[in-house]
Amino acid sequence: MFFTTYPHAENKFLSSLSTENERSWNWVEFSINTPMYLASADYDDDGLILGRTFIFGNLRDLLGFLENPRSEYANFVVSLLSPSYLNGTSSYQLDVLKEIWIESGSDSQLFVLGDGNNLSHSSDGKKLNKKRMQKLISF
């Protein structure tokens, strides 16, 4: 699992207000230093529009969520939360995503950011073969 939760970090008050068995946490631990995805959307709660943000530790889960969104959600913006080894800084960095490309036959990914810069990720440490890249999704 990419997120670790602890009983003492649960926000009991907010959890008690939940109508769908949701639980709220004051903080969670990122268990693995890997790229993560934030999907922000407008949520229509009986005419009251609220902002909701979801964090995904797995690209497959993000794609499944975006393929079958609940009708109450609209105007998605997806961002990449990249760890330092990926973004070349000393900490995590958040950037709006424009596109995600994958290398066929591997788990390598190329992230095209909203500002036009690119970040590449490969779990095996090999360089991307640009001839084998295929666009997975555009935002």
N, C-alpha and C. Protein backbone atom coordinates (compact mmCIF):
# COMPACT_ATOMS: atom_id res chain seq x y z
N MET A 1 0.84 -1.18 0.00
CA MET A 1 0.00 0.00 0.00
C MET A 1 0.88 1.24 0.00
N PHE A 2 0.43 2.28 -0.63
CA PHE A 2 1.21 3.50 -0.75
C PHE A 2 1.01 4.46 0.41
N PHE A 3 -0.09 4.33 1.15
CA PHE A 3 -0.39 5.22 2.26
C PHE A 3 -0.55 4.39 3.52
N THR A 4 0.03 4.88 4.59
CA THR A 4 -0.12 4.22 5.88
C THR A 4 -0.89 5.16 6.79
N THR A 5 -1.90 4.62 7.46
CA THR A 5 -2.67 5.41 8.41
C THR A 5 -2.45 4.85 9.81
N TYR A 6 -2.65 5.70 10.79
CA TYR A 6 -2.46 5.32 12.19
C TYR A 6 -3.69 5.73 12.98
N PRO A 7 -4.11 4.90 13.95
CA PRO A 7 -5.31 5.22 14.73
C PRO A 7 -5.25 6.60 15.38
N HIS A 8 -4.08 6.99 15.89
CA HIS A 8 -3.99 8.29 16.58
C HIS A 8 -4.04 9.48 15.61
N ALA A 9 -3.96 9.22 14.30
CA ALA A 9 -4.03 10.31 13.32
C ALA A 9 -5.43 10.51 12.76
N GLU A 10 -6.36 9.63 13.14
CA GLU A 10 -7.72 9.77 12.62
C GLU A 10 -8.40 10.98 13.24
N ASN A 11 -9.13 11.72 12.42
CA ASN A 11 -9.92 12.84 12.89
C ASN A 11 -11.31 12.31 13.20
N LYS A 12 -11.54 11.97 14.45
CA LYS A 12 -12.79 11.33 14.87
C LYS A 12 -14.00 12.22 14.61
N PHE A 13 -13.83 13.53 14.79
CA PHE A 13 -14.96 14.44 14.58
C PHE A 13 -15.40 14.41 13.12
N LEU A 14 -14.47 14.61 12.18
CA LEU A 14 -14.85 14.60 10.77
C LEU A 14 -15.34 13.22 10.33
N SER A 15 -14.73 12.16 10.85
CA SER A 15 -15.19 10.81 10.51
C SER A 15 -16.63 10.61 10.96
N SER A 16 -17.00 11.19 12.09
CA SER A 16 -18.37 11.02 12.61
C SER A 16 -19.40 11.75 11.75
N LEU A 17 -18.99 12.75 10.99
CA LEU A 17 -19.91 13.50 10.14
C LEU A 17 -20.13 12.84 8.78
N SER A 18 -19.37 11.81 8.49
CA SER A 18 -19.44 11.14 7.20
C SER A 18 -20.79 10.48 6.99
N THR A 19 -21.28 10.56 5.76
CA THR A 19 -22.55 9.92 5.43
C THR A 19 -22.34 8.64 4.62
N GLU A 20 -21.10 8.34 4.22
CA GLU A 20 -20.85 7.18 3.36
C GLU A 20 -19.76 6.28 3.94
N ASN A 21 -19.70 6.15 5.25
CA ASN A 21 -18.69 5.30 5.89
C ASN A 21 -17.26 5.75 5.61
N GLU A 22 -17.09 7.01 5.29
CA GLU A 22 -15.75 7.56 5.07
C GLU A 22 -15.07 7.79 6.41
N ARG A 23 -13.75 7.78 6.38
CA ARG A 23 -12.97 8.12 7.57
C ARG A 23 -12.04 9.26 7.19
N SER A 24 -11.77 10.14 8.12
CA SER A 24 -10.91 11.30 7.88
C SER A 24 -9.65 11.20 8.73
N TRP A 25 -8.55 11.67 8.15
CA TRP A 25 -7.26 11.58 8.82
C TRP A 25 -6.61 12.95 8.86
N ASN A 26 -5.98 13.26 9.97
CA ASN A 26 -5.23 14.50 10.07
C ASN A 26 -3.94 14.43 9.25
N TRP A 27 -3.41 13.22 9.10
CA TRP A 27 -2.23 13.02 8.28
C TRP A 27 -2.12 11.54 7.93
N VAL A 28 -1.42 11.27 6.82
CA VAL A 28 -1.10 9.90 6.40
C VAL A 28 0.37 9.87 6.02
N GLU A 29 0.95 8.70 6.04
CA GLU A 29 2.35 8.52 5.65
C GLU A 29 2.42 7.98 4.23
N PHE A 30 3.28 8.57 3.40
CA PHE A 30 3.57 8.01 2.09
C PHE A 30 4.57 6.89 2.32
N SER A 31 4.14 5.65 2.15
CA SER A 31 4.97 4.50 2.49
C SER A 31 6.06 4.22 1.47
N ILE A 32 5.83 4.61 0.23
CA ILE A 32 6.79 4.34 -0.84
C ILE A 32 7.08 5.66 -1.55
N ASN A 33 8.33 5.94 -1.81
CA ASN A 33 8.75 7.16 -2.48
C ASN A 33 8.56 6.98 -3.99
N THR A 34 7.35 7.25 -4.48
CA THR A 34 6.99 7.02 -5.87
C THR A 34 6.07 8.14 -6.35
N PRO A 35 5.94 8.33 -7.66
CA PRO A 35 5.00 9.35 -8.14
C PRO A 35 3.58 9.06 -7.68
N MET A 36 2.85 10.12 -7.35
CA MET A 36 1.45 10.01 -6.95
C MET A 36 0.65 11.03 -7.76
N TYR A 37 -0.64 10.85 -7.75
CA TYR A 37 -1.51 11.66 -8.59
C TYR A 37 -2.61 12.28 -7.75
N LEU A 38 -2.86 13.57 -7.97
CA LEU A 38 -3.96 14.27 -7.33
C LEU A 38 -4.99 14.59 -8.40
N ALA A 39 -6.23 14.21 -8.17
CA ALA A 39 -7.33 14.55 -9.07
C ALA A 39 -8.27 15.47 -8.32
N SER A 40 -8.39 16.69 -8.78
CA SER A 40 -9.28 17.67 -8.16
C SER A 40 -10.51 17.82 -9.05
N ALA A 41 -11.65 17.99 -8.42
CA ALA A 41 -12.90 18.12 -9.18
C ALA A 41 -13.88 18.97 -8.41
N ASP A 42 -14.85 19.49 -9.14
CA ASP A 42 -15.99 20.15 -8.52
C ASP A 42 -17.00 19.07 -8.17
N TYR A 43 -17.57 19.16 -6.98
CA TYR A 43 -18.55 18.20 -6.51
C TYR A 43 -19.87 18.92 -6.27
N ASP A 44 -20.93 18.44 -6.92
CA ASP A 44 -22.26 19.05 -6.79
C ASP A 44 -23.02 18.35 -5.68
N ASP A 45 -23.17 19.03 -4.55
CA ASP A 45 -23.90 18.50 -3.40
C ASP A 45 -25.25 19.20 -3.34
N ASP A 46 -26.20 18.71 -4.13
CA ASP A 46 -27.55 19.30 -4.21
C ASP A 46 -27.51 20.80 -4.51
N GLY A 47 -26.72 21.17 -5.53
CA GLY A 47 -26.64 22.55 -5.97
C GLY A 47 -25.52 23.36 -5.34
N LEU A 48 -24.92 22.86 -4.26
CA LEU A 48 -23.78 23.52 -3.64
C LEU A 48 -22.52 22.90 -4.23
N ILE A 49 -21.71 23.69 -4.93
CA ILE A 49 -20.50 23.18 -5.60
C ILE A 49 -19.33 23.26 -4.63
N LEU A 50 -18.74 22.12 -4.35
CA LEU A 50 -17.60 22.01 -3.43
C LEU A 50 -16.41 21.44 -4.18
N GLY A 51 -15.22 21.83 -3.79
CA GLY A 51 -14.01 21.24 -4.35
C GLY A 51 -13.65 19.96 -3.62
N ARG A 52 -13.30 18.92 -4.35
CA ARG A 52 -12.85 17.65 -3.76
C ARG A 52 -11.53 17.29 -4.42
N THR A 53 -10.61 16.73 -3.65
CA THR A 53 -9.32 16.30 -4.18
C THR A 53 -9.04 14.89 -3.70
N PHE A 54 -8.62 14.05 -4.63
CA PHE A 54 -8.34 12.65 -4.36
C PHE A 54 -6.87 12.39 -4.67
N ILE A 55 -6.20 11.57 -3.86
CA ILE A 55 -4.82 11.22 -4.12
C ILE A 55 -4.72 9.73 -4.43
N PHE A 56 -3.99 9.41 -5.46
CA PHE A 56 -3.82 8.04 -5.92
C PHE A 56 -2.34 7.69 -5.93
N GLY A 57 -2.01 6.52 -5.40
CA GLY A 57 -0.64 6.05 -5.41
C GLY A 57 -0.35 5.13 -6.57
N ASN A 58 -1.35 4.92 -7.42
CA ASN A 58 -1.22 3.98 -8.52
C ASN A 58 -1.92 4.56 -9.74
N LEU A 59 -1.24 4.58 -10.87
CA LEU A 59 -1.80 5.14 -12.10
C LEU A 59 -3.04 4.37 -12.53
N ARG A 60 -3.03 3.06 -12.39
CA ARG A 60 -4.18 2.24 -12.78
C ARG A 60 -5.44 2.66 -12.02
N ASP A 61 -5.30 2.94 -10.72
CA ASP A 61 -6.45 3.37 -9.92
C ASP A 61 -6.96 4.74 -10.36
N LEU A 62 -6.04 5.66 -10.66
CA LEU A 62 -6.45 6.97 -11.16
C LEU A 62 -7.24 6.82 -12.45
N LEU A 63 -6.73 6.02 -13.39
CA LEU A 63 -7.41 5.85 -14.67
C LEU A 63 -8.79 5.23 -14.50
N GLY A 64 -8.91 4.26 -13.60
CA GLY A 64 -10.21 3.65 -13.33
C GLY A 64 -11.19 4.66 -12.76
N PHE A 65 -10.71 5.51 -11.88
CA PHE A 65 -11.55 6.55 -11.29
C PHE A 65 -12.03 7.53 -12.36
N LEU A 66 -11.13 7.94 -13.25
CA LEU A 66 -11.48 8.90 -14.29
C LEU A 66 -12.39 8.30 -15.35
N GLU A 67 -12.28 7.00 -15.59
CA GLU A 67 -13.13 6.34 -16.58
C GLU A 67 -14.57 6.21 -16.11
N ASN A 68 -14.78 6.11 -14.82
CA ASN A 68 -16.12 5.91 -14.27
C ASN A 68 -16.44 6.90 -13.16
N PRO A 69 -16.38 8.19 -13.46
CA PRO A 69 -16.63 9.16 -12.39
C PRO A 69 -18.10 9.17 -12.00
N ARG A 70 -18.35 9.48 -10.75
CA ARG A 70 -19.73 9.67 -10.31
C ARG A 70 -20.27 10.93 -10.97
N SER A 71 -21.54 10.96 -11.21
CA SER A 71 -22.16 12.07 -11.94
C SER A 71 -22.05 13.40 -11.18
N GLU A 72 -21.78 13.35 -9.88
CA GLU A 72 -21.68 14.58 -9.09
C GLU A 72 -20.37 15.32 -9.33
N TYR A 73 -19.40 14.68 -10.01
CA TYR A 73 -18.09 15.28 -10.20
C TYR A 73 -17.96 15.88 -11.60
N ALA A 74 -17.28 17.02 -11.69
CA ALA A 74 -17.04 17.68 -12.98
C ALA A 74 -15.75 18.49 -12.90
N ASN A 75 -15.24 18.88 -14.05
CA ASN A 75 -14.07 19.77 -14.16
C ASN A 75 -12.83 19.20 -13.47
N PHE A 76 -12.44 18.00 -13.86
CA PHE A 76 -11.26 17.37 -13.27
C PHE A 76 -9.98 18.07 -13.69
N VAL A 77 -9.06 18.22 -12.75
CA VAL A 77 -7.69 18.64 -13.00
C VAL A 77 -6.80 17.60 -12.33
N VAL A 78 -5.86 17.05 -13.09
CA VAL A 78 -4.98 16.01 -12.55
C VAL A 78 -3.57 16.57 -12.44
N SER A 79 -2.96 16.35 -11.29
CA SER A 79 -1.60 16.82 -11.03
C SER A 79 -0.72 15.66 -10.62
N LEU A 80 0.56 15.81 -10.87
CA LEU A 80 1.56 14.83 -10.49
C LEU A 80 2.29 15.31 -9.25
N LEU A 81 2.32 14.48 -8.22
CA LEU A 81 3.12 14.74 -7.03
C LEU A 81 4.38 13.91 -7.18
N SER A 82 5.44 14.56 -7.64
CA SER A 82 6.66 13.82 -7.98
C SER A 82 7.69 13.89 -6.85
N PRO A 83 8.30 12.73 -6.53
CA PRO A 83 9.35 12.72 -5.51
C PRO A 83 10.62 13.37 -6.04
N SER A 84 11.52 13.70 -5.12
CA SER A 84 12.73 14.44 -5.47
C SER A 84 13.58 13.75 -6.54
N TYR A 85 13.70 12.42 -6.48
CA TYR A 85 14.54 11.74 -7.47
C TYR A 85 13.99 11.87 -8.88
N LEU A 86 12.70 12.16 -9.01
CA LEU A 86 12.09 12.30 -10.32
C LEU A 86 12.15 13.74 -10.83
N ASN A 87 11.98 14.71 -9.92
CA ASN A 87 11.89 16.10 -10.36
C ASN A 87 13.21 16.87 -10.23
N GLY A 88 14.24 16.26 -9.67
CA GLY A 88 15.55 16.90 -9.60
C GLY A 88 15.69 17.95 -8.52
N THR A 89 14.76 17.98 -7.56
CA THR A 89 14.86 18.92 -6.45
C THR A 89 15.13 18.14 -5.16
N SER A 90 15.01 18.79 -4.03
CA SER A 90 15.26 18.12 -2.76
C SER A 90 13.96 17.69 -2.05
N SER A 91 12.81 17.84 -2.73
CA SER A 91 11.55 17.48 -2.09
C SER A 91 10.50 17.13 -3.13
N TYR A 92 9.33 16.72 -2.65
CA TYR A 92 8.21 16.49 -3.56
C TYR A 92 7.84 17.80 -4.25
N GLN A 93 7.28 17.67 -5.45
CA GLN A 93 6.86 18.83 -6.22
C GLN A 93 5.52 18.51 -6.88
N LEU A 94 4.62 19.47 -6.91
CA LEU A 94 3.30 19.28 -7.49
C LEU A 94 3.19 20.07 -8.79
N ASP A 95 2.82 19.37 -9.87
CA ASP A 95 2.67 20.01 -11.18
C ASP A 95 1.40 19.50 -11.85
N VAL A 96 0.70 20.39 -12.55
CA VAL A 96 -0.46 19.98 -13.33
C VAL A 96 0.02 19.11 -14.48
N LEU A 97 -0.71 18.02 -14.74
CA LEU A 97 -0.37 17.11 -15.83
C LEU A 97 -1.13 17.49 -17.09
N LYS A 98 -0.44 17.41 -18.22
CA LYS A 98 -1.07 17.62 -19.52
C LYS A 98 -1.29 16.28 -20.22
N GLU A 99 -0.28 15.38 -20.15
CA GLU A 99 -0.36 14.07 -20.79
C GLU A 99 0.48 13.07 -20.01
N ILE A 100 0.13 11.78 -20.18
CA ILE A 100 0.96 10.69 -19.70
C ILE A 100 1.20 9.75 -20.87
N TRP A 101 2.47 9.43 -21.11
CA TRP A 101 2.88 8.49 -22.14
C TRP A 101 3.47 7.26 -21.46
N ILE A 102 3.31 6.10 -22.09
CA ILE A 102 3.91 4.87 -21.57
C ILE A 102 4.74 4.22 -22.67
N GLU A 103 5.75 3.49 -22.22
CA GLU A 103 6.59 2.75 -23.16
C GLU A 103 6.02 1.34 -23.27
N SER A 104 5.70 0.93 -24.50
CA SER A 104 5.13 -0.41 -24.68
C SER A 104 6.13 -1.47 -24.23
N GLY A 105 5.62 -2.48 -23.55
CA GLY A 105 6.46 -3.56 -23.06
C GLY A 105 7.19 -3.28 -21.77
N SER A 106 6.92 -2.13 -21.14
CA SER A 106 7.57 -1.82 -19.86
C SER A 106 6.62 -0.97 -19.02
N ASP A 107 7.06 -0.65 -17.81
CA ASP A 107 6.24 0.22 -16.95
C ASP A 107 6.75 1.66 -16.96
N SER A 108 7.61 2.00 -17.90
CA SER A 108 8.17 3.35 -17.99
C SER A 108 7.11 4.35 -18.43
N GLN A 109 7.20 5.55 -17.85
CA GLN A 109 6.22 6.59 -18.12
C GLN A 109 6.92 7.91 -18.41
N LEU A 110 6.29 8.70 -19.25
CA LEU A 110 6.73 10.06 -19.52
C LEU A 110 5.57 10.97 -19.16
N PHE A 111 5.82 11.93 -18.28
CA PHE A 111 4.81 12.87 -17.84
C PHE A 111 5.05 14.20 -18.54
N VAL A 112 4.06 14.70 -19.26
CA VAL A 112 4.13 16.02 -19.87
C VAL A 112 3.37 16.95 -18.94
N LEU A 113 4.08 17.93 -18.39
CA LEU A 113 3.51 18.84 -17.41
C LEU A 113 2.84 20.02 -18.08
N GLY A 114 1.99 20.69 -17.34
CA GLY A 114 1.25 21.83 -17.86
C GLY A 114 2.14 22.96 -18.35
N ASP A 115 3.35 23.08 -17.79
CA ASP A 115 4.26 24.14 -18.21
C ASP A 115 5.12 23.73 -19.41
N GLY A 116 4.89 22.51 -19.94
CA GLY A 116 5.63 22.04 -21.11
C GLY A 116 6.83 21.18 -20.78
N ASN A 117 7.27 21.17 -19.53
CA ASN A 117 8.40 20.32 -19.15
C ASN A 117 7.97 18.85 -19.09
N ASN A 118 8.95 17.96 -19.17
CA ASN A 118 8.71 16.52 -19.11
C ASN A 118 9.47 15.91 -17.95
N LEU A 119 8.88 14.89 -17.34
CA LEU A 119 9.55 14.07 -16.35
C LEU A 119 9.37 12.62 -16.77
N SER A 120 10.43 11.82 -16.66
CA SER A 120 10.31 10.41 -17.01
C SER A 120 10.54 9.55 -15.78
N HIS A 121 9.83 8.42 -15.75
CA HIS A 121 9.91 7.50 -14.62
C HIS A 121 10.03 6.08 -15.14
N SER A 122 11.00 5.36 -14.60
CA SER A 122 11.18 3.96 -14.95
C SER A 122 11.63 3.22 -13.69
N SER A 123 10.91 2.18 -13.32
CA SER A 123 11.26 1.45 -12.10
C SER A 123 12.55 0.67 -12.25
N ASP A 124 12.94 0.35 -13.50
CA ASP A 124 14.18 -0.40 -13.69
C ASP A 124 15.39 0.51 -13.95
N GLY A 125 15.18 1.82 -13.99
CA GLY A 125 16.27 2.77 -14.14
C GLY A 125 16.78 2.93 -15.57
N LYS A 126 16.18 2.24 -16.52
CA LYS A 126 16.62 2.35 -17.92
C LYS A 126 16.06 3.61 -18.55
N LYS A 127 16.79 4.12 -19.57
CA LYS A 127 16.31 5.29 -20.31
C LYS A 127 15.10 4.90 -21.15
N LEU A 128 14.22 5.88 -21.37
CA LEU A 128 13.05 5.64 -22.19
C LEU A 128 13.44 5.45 -23.65
N ASN A 129 12.76 4.54 -24.32
CA ASN A 129 12.91 4.36 -25.76
C ASN A 129 11.78 5.16 -26.41
N LYS A 130 12.07 6.35 -26.87
CA LYS A 130 11.04 7.26 -27.36
C LYS A 130 10.28 6.70 -28.56
N LYS A 131 10.89 5.78 -29.30
CA LYS A 131 10.21 5.17 -30.44
C LYS A 131 9.09 4.24 -29.99
N ARG A 132 9.16 3.77 -28.75
CA ARG A 132 8.17 2.83 -28.24
C ARG A 132 7.13 3.50 -27.33
N MET A 133 7.15 4.83 -27.29
CA MET A 133 6.23 5.55 -26.42
C MET A 133 4.86 5.71 -27.09
N GLN A 134 3.81 5.54 -26.28
CA GLN A 134 2.44 5.71 -26.74
C GLN A 134 1.71 6.59 -25.74
N LYS A 135 0.91 7.53 -26.28
CA LYS A 135 0.15 8.41 -25.39
C LYS A 135 -0.93 7.59 -24.70
N LEU A 136 -0.95 7.65 -23.38
CA LEU A 136 -1.95 6.93 -22.59
C LEU A 136 -3.19 7.78 -22.37
N ILE A 137 -2.97 9.05 -21.99
CA ILE A 137 -4.11 9.93 -21.69
C ILE A 137 -3.68 11.39 -21.78
N SER A 138 -4.61 12.24 -22.18
CA SER A 138 -4.43 13.69 -22.17
C SER A 138 -5.46 14.28 -21.21
N PHE A 139 -5.06 15.35 -20.54
CA PHE A 139 -5.97 16.01 -19.60
C PHE A 139 -6.31 17.39 -20.10
